């Protein structure tokens, strides 16, 4: 019981400009992020796509 307690790990805030480029993700992580980005992009462009289909008829 005289042993010192283990030091708890520090969790720091992530600075998007300096810390994120140095993070190494596995391939599944990169694919997951790209899949989410493509889904948001498709959802955001849906009105434009519908308008283009309407004009093509």
PDB file of N, CA and C in Angstrom:
ATOM      1  N   UNK A   1       0.806  -1.208   0.000  1.00  0.00           N
ATOM      2  CA  UNK A   1       0.000   0.000   0.000  1.00  0.00           C
ATOM      3  C   UNK A   1       0.844   1.265   0.000  1.00  0.00           C
ATOM      4  N   UNK A   2       2.119   1.115   0.128  1.00  0.00           N
ATOM      5  CA  UNK A   2       2.989   2.289   0.107  1.00  0.00           C
ATOM      6  C   UNK A   2       3.380   2.692  -1.308  1.00  0.00           C
ATOM      7  N   UNK A   3       2.939   1.912  -2.311  1.00  0.00           N
ATOM      8  CA  UNK A   3       3.260   2.252  -3.698  1.00  0.00           C
ATOM      9  C   UNK A   3       2.464   3.479  -4.127  1.00  0.00           C
ATOM     10  N   UNK A   4       3.081   4.364  -4.883  1.00  0.00           N
ATOM     11  CA  UNK A   4       2.330   5.534  -5.356  1.00  0.00           C
ATOM     12  C   UNK A   4       1.291   5.105  -6.394  1.00  0.00           C
ATOM     13  N   UNK A   5       0.208   5.838  -6.438  1.00  0.00           N
ATOM     14  CA  UNK A   5      -0.852   5.545  -7.401  1.00  0.00           C
ATOM     15  C   UNK A   5      -0.343   5.814  -8.814  1.00  0.00           C
ATOM     16  N   UNK A   6      -0.852   5.057  -9.769  1.00  0.00           N
ATOM     17  CA  UNK A   6      -0.448   5.265 -11.158  1.00  0.00           C
ATOM     18  C   UNK A   6      -0.932   6.629 -11.635  1.00  0.00           C
ATOM     19  N   UNK A   7      -0.090   7.269 -12.406  1.00  0.00           N
ATOM     20  CA  UNK A   7      -0.469   8.568 -12.946  1.00  0.00           C
ATOM     21  C   UNK A   7      -1.531   8.371 -14.026  1.00  0.00           C
ATOM     22  N   UNK A   8      -2.586   9.135 -13.927  1.00  0.00           N
ATOM     23  CA  UNK A   8      -3.670   9.031 -14.902  1.00  0.00           C
ATOM     24  C   UNK A   8      -3.235   9.637 -16.231  1.00  0.00           C
ATOM     25  N   UNK A   9      -3.721   9.076 -17.343  1.00  0.00           N
ATOM     26  CA  UNK A   9      -3.343   9.641 -18.650  1.00  0.00           C
ATOM     27  C   UNK A   9      -3.980  11.013 -18.854  1.00  0.00           C
ATOM     28  N   UNK A  10      -3.278  11.846 -19.588  1.00  0.00           N
ATOM     29  CA  UNK A  10      -3.800  13.173 -19.900  1.00  0.00           C
ATOM     30  C   UNK A  10      -4.508  13.132 -21.245  1.00  0.00           C
ATOM     31  N   UNK A  11      -5.685  13.710 -21.283  1.00  0.00           N
ATOM     32  CA  UNK A  11      -6.425  13.847 -22.528  1.00  0.00           C
ATOM     33  C   UNK A  11      -6.452  15.326 -22.865  1.00  0.00           C
ATOM     34  N   UNK A  12      -5.878  15.656 -23.987  1.00  0.00           N
ATOM     35  CA  UNK A  12      -5.773  17.060 -24.364  1.00  0.00           C
ATOM     36  C   UNK A  12      -6.716  17.363 -25.511  1.00  0.00           C
ATOM     37  N   UNK A  13      -7.064  18.630 -25.628  1.00  0.00           N
ATOM     38  CA  UNK A  13      -7.890  19.057 -26.748  1.00  0.00           C
ATOM     39  C   UNK A  13      -7.097  18.913 -28.041  1.00  0.00           C
ATOM     40  N   UNK A  14      -7.794  18.611 -29.107  1.00  0.00           N
ATOM     41  CA  UNK A  14      -7.153  18.408 -30.402  1.00  0.00           C
ATOM     42  C   UNK A  14      -7.261  19.699 -31.206  1.00  0.00           C
ATOM     43  N   UNK A  15      -6.136  20.208 -31.646  1.00  0.00           N
ATOM     44  CA  UNK A  15      -6.115  21.357 -32.532  1.00  0.00           C
ATOM     45  C   UNK A  15      -6.216  20.822 -33.959  1.00  0.00           C
ATOM     46  N   UNK A  16      -7.259  21.208 -34.665  1.00  0.00           N
ATOM     47  CA  UNK A  16      -7.534  20.631 -35.978  1.00  0.00           C
ATOM     48  C   UNK A  16      -6.431  20.922 -36.995  1.00  0.00           C
ATOM     49  N   UNK A  17      -5.759  22.042 -36.870  1.00  0.00           N
ATOM     50  CA  UNK A  17      -4.758  22.401 -37.875  1.00  0.00           C
ATOM     51  C   UNK A  17      -3.409  21.745 -37.626  1.00  0.00           C
ATOM     52  N   UNK A  18      -3.046  21.529 -36.369  1.00  0.00           N
ATOM     53  CA  UNK A  18      -1.711  21.003 -36.100  1.00  0.00           C
ATOM     54  C   UNK A  18      -1.711  19.535 -35.696  1.00  0.00           C
ATOM     55  N   UNK A  19      -2.741  19.071 -35.006  1.00  0.00           N
ATOM     56  CA  UNK A  19      -2.734  17.705 -34.488  1.00  0.00           C
ATOM     57  C   UNK A  19      -3.346  16.685 -35.441  1.00  0.00           C
ATOM     58  N   UNK A  20      -4.396  17.057 -36.149  1.00  0.00           N
ATOM     59  CA  UNK A  20      -5.094  16.076 -36.985  1.00  0.00           C
ATOM     60  C   UNK A  20      -4.256  15.524 -38.135  1.00  0.00           C
ATOM     61  N   UNK A  21      -3.432  16.326 -38.814  1.00  0.00           N
ATOM     62  CA  UNK A  21      -2.626  15.726 -39.890  1.00  0.00           C
ATOM     63  C   UNK A  21      -1.641  14.666 -39.407  1.00  0.00           C
ATOM     64  N   UNK A  22      -1.269  14.702 -38.139  1.00  0.00           N
ATOM     65  CA  UNK A  22      -0.303  13.724 -37.642  1.00  0.00           C
ATOM     66  C   UNK A  22      -0.968  12.443 -37.147  1.00  0.00           C
ATOM     67  N   UNK A  23      -2.301  12.401 -37.069  1.00  0.00           N
ATOM     68  CA  UNK A  23      -2.996  11.195 -36.626  1.00  0.00           C
ATOM     69  C   UNK A  23      -2.955  10.162 -37.744  1.00  0.00           C
ATOM     70  N   UNK A  24      -2.721   8.924 -37.392  1.00  0.00           N
ATOM     71  CA  UNK A  24      -2.687   7.850 -38.389  1.00  0.00           C
ATOM     72  C   UNK A  24      -3.885   6.951 -38.158  1.00  0.00           C
ATOM     73  N   UNK A  25      -4.783   6.938 -39.116  1.00  0.00           N
ATOM     74  CA  UNK A  25      -5.985   6.117 -39.027  1.00  0.00           C
ATOM     75  C   UNK A  25      -5.797   4.848 -39.843  1.00  0.00           C
ATOM     76  N   UNK A  26      -6.424   3.759 -39.406  1.00  0.00           N
ATOM     77  CA  UNK A  26      -6.423   2.573 -40.264  1.00  0.00           C
ATOM     78  C   UNK A  26      -7.289   2.832 -41.498  1.00  0.00           C
ATOM     79  N   UNK A  27      -7.164   1.970 -42.485  1.00  0.00           N
ATOM     80  CA  UNK A  27      -7.907   2.155 -43.740  1.00  0.00           C
ATOM     81  C   UNK A  27      -9.408   2.234 -43.495  1.00  0.00           C
ATOM     82  N   UNK A  28      -9.915   1.432 -42.569  1.00  0.00           N
ATOM     83  CA  UNK A  28     -11.354   1.452 -42.283  1.00  0.00           C
ATOM     84  C   UNK A  28     -11.785   2.807 -41.726  1.00  0.00           C
ATOM     85  N   UNK A  29     -10.932   3.454 -40.957  1.00  0.00           N
ATOM     86  CA  UNK A  29     -11.259   4.768 -40.418  1.00  0.00           C
ATOM     87  C   UNK A  29     -11.334   5.823 -41.503  1.00  0.00           C
ATOM     88  N   UNK A  30     -10.391   5.776 -42.434  1.00  0.00           N
ATOM     89  CA  UNK A  30     -10.393   6.731 -43.544  1.00  0.00           C
ATOM     90  C   UNK A  30     -11.623   6.519 -44.418  1.00  0.00           C
ATOM     91  N   UNK A  31     -11.944   5.272 -44.716  1.00  0.00           N
ATOM     92  CA  UNK A  31     -13.119   4.965 -45.544  1.00  0.00           C
ATOM     93  C   UNK A  31     -14.391   5.426 -44.846  1.00  0.00           C
ATOM     94  N   UNK A  32     -14.462   5.251 -43.537  1.00  0.00           N
ATOM     95  CA  UNK A  32     -15.639   5.675 -42.783  1.00  0.00           C
ATOM     96  C   UNK A  32     -15.831   7.184 -42.858  1.00  0.00           C
ATOM     97  N   UNK A  33     -14.754   7.931 -42.693  1.00  0.00           N
ATOM     98  CA  UNK A  33     -14.851   9.391 -42.755  1.00  0.00           C
ATOM     99  C   UNK A  33     -15.255   9.837 -44.157  1.00  0.00           C
ATOM    100  N   UNK A  34     -14.651   9.247 -45.186  1.00  0.00           N
ATOM    101  CA  UNK A  34     -15.005   9.612 -46.562  1.00  0.00           C
ATOM    102  C   UNK A  34     -16.446   9.242 -46.886  1.00  0.00           C
ATOM    103  N   UNK A  35     -16.938   8.138 -46.325  1.00  0.00           N
ATOM    104  CA  UNK A  35     -18.319   7.720 -46.549  1.00  0.00           C
ATOM    105  C   UNK A  35     -19.284   8.728 -45.934  1.00  0.00           C
ATOM    106  N   UNK A  36     -18.965   9.210 -44.750  1.00  0.00           N
ATOM    107  CA  UNK A  36     -19.822  10.217 -44.111  1.00  0.00           C
ATOM    108  C   UNK A  36     -19.816  11.523 -44.903  1.00  0.00           C
ATOM    109  N   UNK A  37     -18.634  11.935 -45.366  1.00  0.00           N
ATOM    110  CA  UNK A  37     -18.538  13.182 -46.135  1.00  0.00           C
ATOM    111  C   UNK A  37     -19.329  13.073 -47.432  1.00  0.00           C
ATOM    112  N   UNK A  38     -19.234  11.931 -48.117  1.00  0.00           N
ATOM    113  CA  UNK A  38     -19.970  11.768 -49.372  1.00  0.00           C
ATOM    114  C   UNK A  38     -21.477  11.746 -49.124  1.00  0.00           C
ATOM    115  N   UNK A  39     -21.913  11.179 -48.005  1.00  0.00           N
ATOM    116  CA  UNK A  39     -23.339  11.176 -47.680  1.00  0.00           C
ATOM    117  C   UNK A  39     -23.870  12.571 -47.424  1.00  0.00           C
ATOM    118  N   UNK A  40     -23.110  13.379 -46.704  1.00  0.00           N
ATOM    119  CA  UNK A  40     -23.528  14.763 -46.445  1.00  0.00           C
ATOM    120  C   UNK A  40     -23.564  15.546 -47.747  1.00  0.00           C
ATOM    121  N   UNK A  41     -22.579  15.331 -48.601  1.00  0.00           N
ATOM    122  CA  UNK A  41     -22.534  16.028 -49.883  1.00  0.00           C
ATOM    123  C   UNK A  41     -23.724  15.647 -50.766  1.00  0.00           C
ATOM    124  N   UNK A  42     -24.046  14.366 -50.825  1.00  0.00           N
ATOM    125  CA  UNK A  42     -25.195  13.928 -51.624  1.00  0.00           C
ATOM    126  C   UNK A  42     -26.496  14.506 -51.070  1.00  0.00           C
ATOM    127  N   UNK A  43     -26.630  14.549 -49.743  1.00  0.00           N
ATOM    128  CA  UNK A  43     -27.839  15.105 -49.138  1.00  0.00           C
ATOM    129  C   UNK A  43     -27.942  16.604 -49.423  1.00  0.00           C
ATOM    130  N   UNK A  44     -26.821  17.307 -49.336  1.00  0.00           N
ATOM    131  CA  UNK A  44     -26.838  18.750 -49.565  1.00  0.00           C
ATOM    132  C   UNK A  44     -27.136  19.086 -51.026  1.00  0.00           C
ATOM    133  N   UNK A  45     -26.708  18.239 -51.958  1.00  0.00           N
ATOM    134  CA  UNK A  45     -26.920  18.509 -53.380  1.00  0.00           C
ATOM    135  C   UNK A  45     -28.238  17.950 -53.916  1.00  0.00           C
ATOM    136  N   UNK A  46     -29.025  17.307 -53.071  1.00  0.00           N
ATOM    137  CA  UNK A  46     -30.276  16.697 -53.531  1.00  0.00           C
ATOM    138  C   UNK A  46     -31.231  17.701 -54.198  1.00  0.00           C
ATOM    139  N   UNK A  47     -31.463  18.907 -53.642  1.00  0.00           N
ATOM    140  CA  UNK A  47     -32.351  19.845 -54.348  1.00  0.00           C
ATOM    141  C   UNK A  47     -31.835  20.215 -55.738  1.00  0.00           C
ATOM    142  N   UNK A  48     -30.529  20.386 -55.880  1.00  0.00           N
ATOM    143  CA  UNK A  48     -29.955  20.711 -57.185  1.00  0.00           C
ATOM    144  C   UNK A  48     -30.141  19.559 -58.166  1.00  0.00           C
ATOM    145  N   UNK A  49     -29.960  18.340 -57.713  1.00  0.00           N
ATOM    146  CA  UNK A  49     -30.124  17.167 -58.580  1.00  0.00           C
ATOM    147  C   UNK A  49     -31.576  17.031 -59.025  1.00  0.00           C
ATOM    148  N   UNK A  50     -32.510  17.249 -58.103  1.00  0.00           N
ATOM    149  CA  UNK A  50     -33.936  17.180 -58.458  1.00  0.00           C
ATOM    150  C   UNK A  50     -34.272  18.274 -59.463  1.00  0.00           C
ATOM    151  N   UNK A  51     -33.735  19.478 -59.256  1.00  0.00           N
ATOM    152  CA  UNK A  51     -33.980  20.576 -60.185  1.00  0.00           C
ATOM    153  C   UNK A  51     -33.417  20.248 -61.570  1.00  0.00           C
ATOM    154  N   UNK A  52     -32.228  19.642 -61.613  1.00  0.00           N
ATOM    155  CA  UNK A  52     -31.637  19.266 -62.897  1.00  0.00           C
ATOM    156  C   UNK A  52     -32.487  18.218 -63.614  1.00  0.00           C
ATOM    157  N   UNK A  53     -33.006  17.239 -62.872  1.00  0.00           N
ATOM    158  CA  UNK A  53     -33.889  16.246 -63.486  1.00  0.00           C
ATOM    159  C   UNK A  53     -35.167  16.899 -64.002  1.00  0.00           C
ATOM    160  N   UNK A  54     -35.693  17.871 -63.265  1.00  0.00           N
ATOM    161  CA  UNK A  54     -36.911  18.559 -63.682  1.00  0.00           C
ATOM    162  C   UNK A  54     -36.669  19.339 -64.976  1.00  0.00           C
ATOM    163  N   UNK A  55     -35.529  19.969 -65.099  1.00  0.00           N
ATOM    164  CA  UNK A  55     -35.221  20.751 -66.297  1.00  0.00           C
ATOM    165  C   UNK A  55     -34.901  19.872 -67.500  1.00  0.00           C
ATOM    166  N   UNK A  56     -34.518  18.631 -67.275  1.00  0.00           N
ATOM    167  CA  UNK A  56     -34.144  17.766 -68.393  1.00  0.00           C
ATOM    168  C   UNK A  56     -35.358  17.179 -69.114  1.00  0.00           C
ATOM    169  N   UNK A  57     -36.511  17.276 -68.508  1.00  0.00           N
ATOM    170  CA  UNK A  57     -37.722  16.697 -69.127  1.00  0.00           C
ATOM    171  C   UNK A  57     -38.345  17.663 -70.111  1.00  0.00           C
TER     172      UNK A  57
END
